[in-house]
Amino acid sequence: MFILALFQNTPLILSIFSILFAQFVKVPIHFLVTKKLDWSLLTSTGGMPSSHSAAVTSLATAVGFETGLHSPTFAVAAMFASIVMYDASGVRYQAGQHAVIINRMRNELTLFFREVKHWPEKDENEKIQELKTLLGHKPSEVFTGALTGILISVIFYTVII
């Protein structure tokens, strides 16, 4: 009975759908920009559009339709969405930028120590596991993700229902 209730929770379903949709469209968007097909984007963080932004704005929009824009529940969902998007474009984006620099420093130090100690040659993948550099989002990615989530819920509530 509990599981069945989850499938009747439209804001939750729309939010999950928004994540999946945003993750899926990253692949063709990346292909259009780079002419390279990268299926790993289906499960990666970062990139265009932000699936985090799509999920939380879809959730907030759906809650607004369900409970009204005046409800405390909508206020909580809207603030939650704002904080997630701020974090995605601020703190997490900066963490990704730091990871780029740290990876570069680590690579340079690795090369230096190899030359100094005549380190036996090994495959780079065996020696170094790089920090993830695509943690957060550019503001345009957050905006596009937010717009994606809002549109998914608006379309559902105005066209489908």
C-alpha atoms as a PDB file:
ATOM      1  CA  MET A   1       0.000   0.000   0.000  1.00  0.00           C
ATOM      2  CA  PHE A   2       2.890   2.373   0.852  1.00  0.00           C
ATOM      3  CA  ILE A   3       4.569   1.702  -2.507  1.00  0.00           C
ATOM      4  CA  LEU A   4       1.298   2.251  -4.347  1.00  0.00           C
ATOM      5  CA  ALA A   5       0.933   5.656  -2.671  1.00  0.00           C
ATOM      6  CA  LEU A   6       4.344   6.678  -4.034  1.00  0.00           C
ATOM      7  CA  PHE A   7       3.140   6.015  -7.583  1.00  0.00           C
ATOM      8  CA  GLN A   8       0.170   8.330  -6.946  1.00  0.00           C
ATOM      9  CA  ASN A   9       2.380  11.214  -5.819  1.00  0.00           C
ATOM     10  CA  THR A  10       2.411  13.342  -8.956  1.00  0.00           C
ATOM     11  CA  PRO A  11       5.018  15.907  -7.768  1.00  0.00           C
ATOM     12  CA  LEU A  12       7.405  13.072  -6.907  1.00  0.00           C
ATOM     13  CA  ILE A  13       6.846  11.301 -10.241  1.00  0.00           C
ATOM     14  CA  LEU A  14       7.322  14.551 -12.191  1.00  0.00           C
ATOM     15  CA  SER A  15      10.488  15.352 -10.263  1.00  0.00           C
ATOM     16  CA  ILE A  16      11.966  11.911 -10.991  1.00  0.00           C
ATOM     17  CA  PHE A  17      10.915  12.175 -14.635  1.00  0.00           C
ATOM     18  CA  SER A  18      12.598  15.600 -14.837  1.00  0.00           C
ATOM     19  CA  ILE A  19      15.882  14.141 -13.556  1.00  0.00           C
ATOM     20  CA  LEU A  20      15.752  11.316 -16.079  1.00  0.00           C
ATOM     21  CA  PHE A  21      14.769  13.640 -18.934  1.00  0.00           C
ATOM     22  CA  ALA A  22      17.512  16.173 -18.144  1.00  0.00           C
ATOM     23  CA  GLN A  23      20.129  13.417 -17.860  1.00  0.00           C
ATOM     24  CA  PHE A  24      19.010  11.900 -21.167  1.00  0.00           C
ATOM     25  CA  VAL A  25      19.064  15.162 -23.148  1.00  0.00           C
ATOM     26  CA  LYS A  26      22.646  15.842 -22.010  1.00  0.00           C
ATOM     27  CA  VAL A  27      23.821  13.221 -24.527  1.00  0.00           C
ATOM     28  CA  PRO A  28      22.329  14.796 -27.697  1.00  0.00           C
ATOM     29  CA  ILE A  29      23.150  18.333 -26.522  1.00  0.00           C
ATOM     30  CA  HIS A  30      26.783  17.328 -25.964  1.00  0.00           C
ATOM     31  CA  PHE A  31      26.807  15.606 -29.358  1.00  0.00           C
ATOM     32  CA  LEU A  32      25.470  18.732 -31.111  1.00  0.00           C
ATOM     33  CA  VAL A  33      28.166  20.875 -29.496  1.00  0.00           C
ATOM     34  CA  THR A  34      31.182  18.532 -29.722  1.00  0.00           C
ATOM     35  CA  LYS A  35      30.198  16.019 -32.432  1.00  0.00           C
ATOM     36  CA  LYS A  36      31.159  13.293 -29.914  1.00  0.00           C
ATOM     37  CA  LEU A  37      28.737  10.762 -28.478  1.00  0.00           C
ATOM     38  CA  ASP A  38      29.311  10.388 -24.720  1.00  0.00           C
ATOM     39  CA  TRP A  39      26.917   7.950 -23.048  1.00  0.00           C
ATOM     40  CA  SER A  40      28.625   8.447 -19.671  1.00  0.00           C
ATOM     41  CA  LEU A  41      26.714  11.742 -19.413  1.00  0.00           C
ATOM     42  CA  LEU A  42      23.604   9.696 -18.577  1.00  0.00           C
ATOM     43  CA  THR A  43      25.007   9.125 -15.089  1.00  0.00           C
ATOM     44  CA  SER A  44      27.357  12.065 -14.599  1.00  0.00           C
ATOM     45  CA  THR A  45      26.936  15.244 -12.613  1.00  0.00           C
ATOM     46  CA  GLY A  46      27.332  18.632 -14.253  1.00  0.00           C
ATOM     47  CA  GLY A  47      26.572  19.495 -17.844  1.00  0.00           C
ATOM     48  CA  MET A  48      23.644  20.989 -19.763  1.00  0.00           C
ATOM     49  CA  PRO A  49      20.930  21.004 -18.493  1.00  0.00           C
ATOM     50  CA  SER A  50      21.213  20.622 -14.736  1.00  0.00           C
ATOM     51  CA  SER A  51      19.135  17.619 -13.691  1.00  0.00           C
ATOM     52  CA  HIS A  52      19.251  18.864 -10.090  1.00  0.00           C
ATOM     53  CA  SER A  53      17.642  22.134 -11.144  1.00  0.00           C
ATOM     54  CA  ALA A  54      15.125  20.323 -13.330  1.00  0.00           C
ATOM     55  CA  ALA A  55      14.119  18.052 -10.437  1.00  0.00           C
ATOM     56  CA  VAL A  56      13.667  20.713  -7.769  1.00  0.00           C
ATOM     57  CA  THR A  57      11.890  23.221 -10.004  1.00  0.00           C
ATOM     58  CA  SER A  58       9.609  20.509 -11.331  1.00  0.00           C
ATOM     59  CA  LEU A  59       8.864  19.505  -7.745  1.00  0.00           C
ATOM     60  CA  ALA A  60       8.188  23.093  -6.652  1.00  0.00           C
ATOM     61  CA  THR A  61       6.028  23.794  -9.695  1.00  0.00           C
ATOM     62  CA  ALA A  62       4.002  20.609  -9.183  1.00  0.00           C
ATOM     63  CA  VAL A  63       3.565  21.399  -5.482  1.00  0.00           C
ATOM     64  CA  GLY A  64       2.388  24.882  -6.514  1.00  0.00           C
ATOM     65  CA  PHE A  65      -0.229  23.330  -8.800  1.00  0.00           C
ATOM     66  CA  GLU A  66      -1.301  20.822  -6.131  1.00  0.00           C
ATOM     67  CA  THR A  67      -1.399  23.078  -3.057  1.00  0.00           C
ATOM     68  CA  GLY A  68      -1.461  26.616  -4.458  1.00  0.00           C
ATOM     69  CA  LEU A  69       1.257  29.246  -4.538  1.00  0.00           C
ATOM     70  CA  HIS A  70       0.065  30.578  -1.180  1.00  0.00           C
ATOM     71  CA  SER A  71       0.676  27.305   0.702  1.00  0.00           C
ATOM     72  CA  PRO A  72       3.499  26.760   3.178  1.00  0.00           C
ATOM     73  CA  THR A  73       4.311  23.511   1.346  1.00  0.00           C
ATOM     74  CA  PHE A  74       4.985  25.458  -1.856  1.00  0.00           C
ATOM     75  CA  ALA A  75       7.143  27.914   0.108  1.00  0.00           C
ATOM     76  CA  VAL A  76       9.266  25.030   1.426  1.00  0.00           C
ATOM     77  CA  ALA A  77       9.590  23.484  -2.056  1.00  0.00           C
ATOM     78  CA  ALA A  78      10.486  26.849  -3.635  1.00  0.00           C
ATOM     79  CA  MET A  79      13.143  27.608  -1.007  1.00  0.00           C
ATOM     80  CA  PHE A  80      14.523  24.075  -1.343  1.00  0.00           C
ATOM     81  CA  ALA A  81      14.756  24.586  -5.119  1.00  0.00           C
ATOM     82  CA  SER A  82      16.512  27.947  -4.686  1.00  0.00           C
ATOM     83  CA  ILE A  83      19.101  26.521  -2.299  1.00  0.00           C
ATOM     84  CA  VAL A  84      19.817  23.499  -4.519  1.00  0.00           C
ATOM     85  CA  MET A  85      20.260  25.696  -7.603  1.00  0.00           C
ATOM     86  CA  TYR A  86      22.445  28.181  -5.736  1.00  0.00           C
ATOM     87  CA  ASP A  87      24.610  25.309  -4.509  1.00  0.00           C
ATOM     88  CA  ALA A  88      24.767  23.722  -7.981  1.00  0.00           C
ATOM     89  CA  SER A  89      25.953  26.935  -9.608  1.00  0.00           C
ATOM     90  CA  GLY A  90      28.072  28.241  -6.754  1.00  0.00           C
ATOM     91  CA  VAL A  91      29.732  25.911  -4.301  1.00  0.00           C
ATOM     92  CA  ARG A  92      29.697  22.768  -6.444  1.00  0.00           C
ATOM     93  CA  TYR A  93      30.813  24.636  -9.581  1.00  0.00           C
ATOM     94  CA  GLN A  94      33.732  26.164  -7.689  1.00  0.00           C
ATOM     95  CA  ALA A  95      34.638  22.745  -6.254  1.00  0.00           C
ATOM     96  CA  GLY A  96      34.840  21.461  -9.815  1.00  0.00           C
ATOM     97  CA  GLN A  97      37.084  24.362 -10.812  1.00  0.00           C
ATOM     98  CA  HIS A  98      39.352  23.624  -7.836  1.00  0.00           C
ATOM     99  CA  ALA A  99      39.490  19.976  -8.875  1.00  0.00           C
ATOM    100  CA  VAL A 100      40.750  21.027 -12.332  1.00  0.00           C
ATOM    101  CA  ILE A 101      43.633  22.967 -10.773  1.00  0.00           C
ATOM    102  CA  ILE A 102      44.415  20.246  -8.209  1.00  0.00           C
ATOM    103  CA  ASN A 103      44.490  17.629 -10.973  1.00  0.00           C
ATOM    104  CA  ARG A 104      46.882  19.775 -13.012  1.00  0.00           C
ATOM    105  CA  MET A 105      49.146  20.293  -9.967  1.00  0.00           C
ATOM    106  CA  ARG A 106      49.070  16.581  -9.178  1.00  0.00           C
ATOM    107  CA  ASN A 107      49.940  15.704 -12.774  1.00  0.00           C
ATOM    108  CA  GLU A 108      52.841  18.139 -12.778  1.00  0.00           C
ATOM    109  CA  LEU A 109      54.121  16.837  -9.436  1.00  0.00           C
ATOM    110  CA  THR A 110      53.853  13.297 -10.716  1.00  0.00           C
ATOM    111  CA  LEU A 111      55.951  14.151 -13.748  1.00  0.00           C
ATOM    112  CA  PHE A 112      58.483  15.943 -11.572  1.00  0.00           C
ATOM    113  CA  PHE A 113      58.890  13.010  -9.180  1.00  0.00           C
ATOM    114  CA  ARG A 114      59.166  10.607 -12.120  1.00  0.00           C
ATOM    115  CA  GLU A 115      62.090  12.558 -13.506  1.00  0.00           C
ATOM    116  CA  VAL A 116      63.788  13.065 -10.133  1.00  0.00           C
ATOM    117  CA  LYS A 117      63.528   9.491  -8.907  1.00  0.00           C
ATOM    118  CA  HIS A 118      63.595   7.814 -12.333  1.00  0.00           C
ATOM    119  CA  TRP A 119      60.292   6.288 -11.482  1.00  0.00           C
ATOM    120  CA  PRO A 120      59.657   3.156 -13.553  1.00  0.00           C
ATOM    121  CA  GLU A 121      57.244   3.836 -16.361  1.00  0.00           C
ATOM    122  CA  LYS A 122      53.668   2.832 -15.619  1.00  0.00           C
ATOM    123  CA  ASP A 123      50.348   3.513 -17.250  1.00  0.00           C
ATOM    124  CA  GLU A 124      48.986   6.868 -16.081  1.00  0.00           C
ATOM    125  CA  ASN A 125      45.666   5.297 -15.129  1.00  0.00           C
ATOM    126  CA  GLU A 126      47.480   3.006 -12.704  1.00  0.00           C
ATOM    127  CA  LYS A 127      49.219   5.903 -10.974  1.00  0.00           C
ATOM    128  CA  ILE A 128      46.647   8.652 -10.890  1.00  0.00           C
ATOM    129  CA  GLN A 129      42.956   8.689 -10.253  1.00  0.00           C
ATOM    130  CA  GLU A 130      41.826  12.215 -10.969  1.00  0.00           C
ATOM    131  CA  LEU A 131      39.364  14.168  -8.864  1.00  0.00           C
ATOM    132  CA  LYS A 132      36.001  14.663 -10.506  1.00  0.00           C
ATOM    133  CA  THR A 133      36.028  18.072 -12.200  1.00  0.00           C
ATOM    134  CA  LEU A 134      32.424  18.150 -13.410  1.00  0.00           C
ATOM    135  CA  LEU A 135      30.700  18.562 -10.045  1.00  0.00           C
ATOM    136  CA  GLY A 136      28.580  21.631 -10.513  1.00  0.00           C
ATOM    137  CA  HIS A 137      26.936  23.799 -13.117  1.00  0.00           C
ATOM    138  CA  LYS A 138      27.408  27.056 -14.919  1.00  0.00           C
ATOM    139  CA  PRO A 139      24.537  29.520 -14.340  1.00  0.00           C
ATOM    140  CA  SER A 140      23.227  28.839 -17.870  1.00  0.00           C
ATOM    141  CA  GLU A 141      23.052  25.113 -17.103  1.00  0.00           C
ATOM    142  CA  VAL A 142      21.159  25.773 -13.869  1.00  0.00           C
ATOM    143  CA  PHE A 143      18.770  28.133 -15.652  1.00  0.00           C
ATOM    144  CA  THR A 144      18.141  25.649 -18.462  1.00  0.00           C
ATOM    145  CA  GLY A 145      17.608  22.838 -15.955  1.00  0.00           C
ATOM    146  CA  ALA A 146      15.196  24.997 -13.966  1.00  0.00           C
ATOM    147  CA  LEU A 147      13.273  25.902 -17.098  1.00  0.00           C
ATOM    148  CA  THR A 148      13.153  22.215 -18.084  1.00  0.00           C
ATOM    149  CA  GLY A 149      11.667  21.212 -14.729  1.00  0.00           C
ATOM    150  CA  ILE A 150       9.129  24.015 -14.684  1.00  0.00           C
ATOM    151  CA  LEU A 151       8.013  23.248 -18.243  1.00  0.00           C
ATOM    152  CA  ILE A 152       7.600  19.531 -17.526  1.00  0.00           C
ATOM    153  CA  SER A 153       5.261  20.234 -14.600  1.00  0.00           C
ATOM    154  CA  VAL A 154       3.403  23.044 -16.388  1.00  0.00           C
ATOM    155  CA  ILE A 155       2.833  20.845 -19.443  1.00  0.00           C
ATOM    156  CA  PHE A 156       1.620  18.000 -17.253  1.00  0.00           C
ATOM    157  CA  TYR A 157      -0.819  20.116 -15.258  1.00  0.00           C
ATOM    158  CA  THR A 158      -2.125  22.227 -18.159  1.00  0.00           C
ATOM    159  CA  VAL A 159      -2.111  19.794 -21.080  1.00  0.00           C
ATOM    160  CA  ILE A 160      -2.250  16.268 -19.715  1.00  0.00           C
ATOM    161  CA  ILE A 161      -4.599  16.687 -16.736  1.00  0.00           C
END
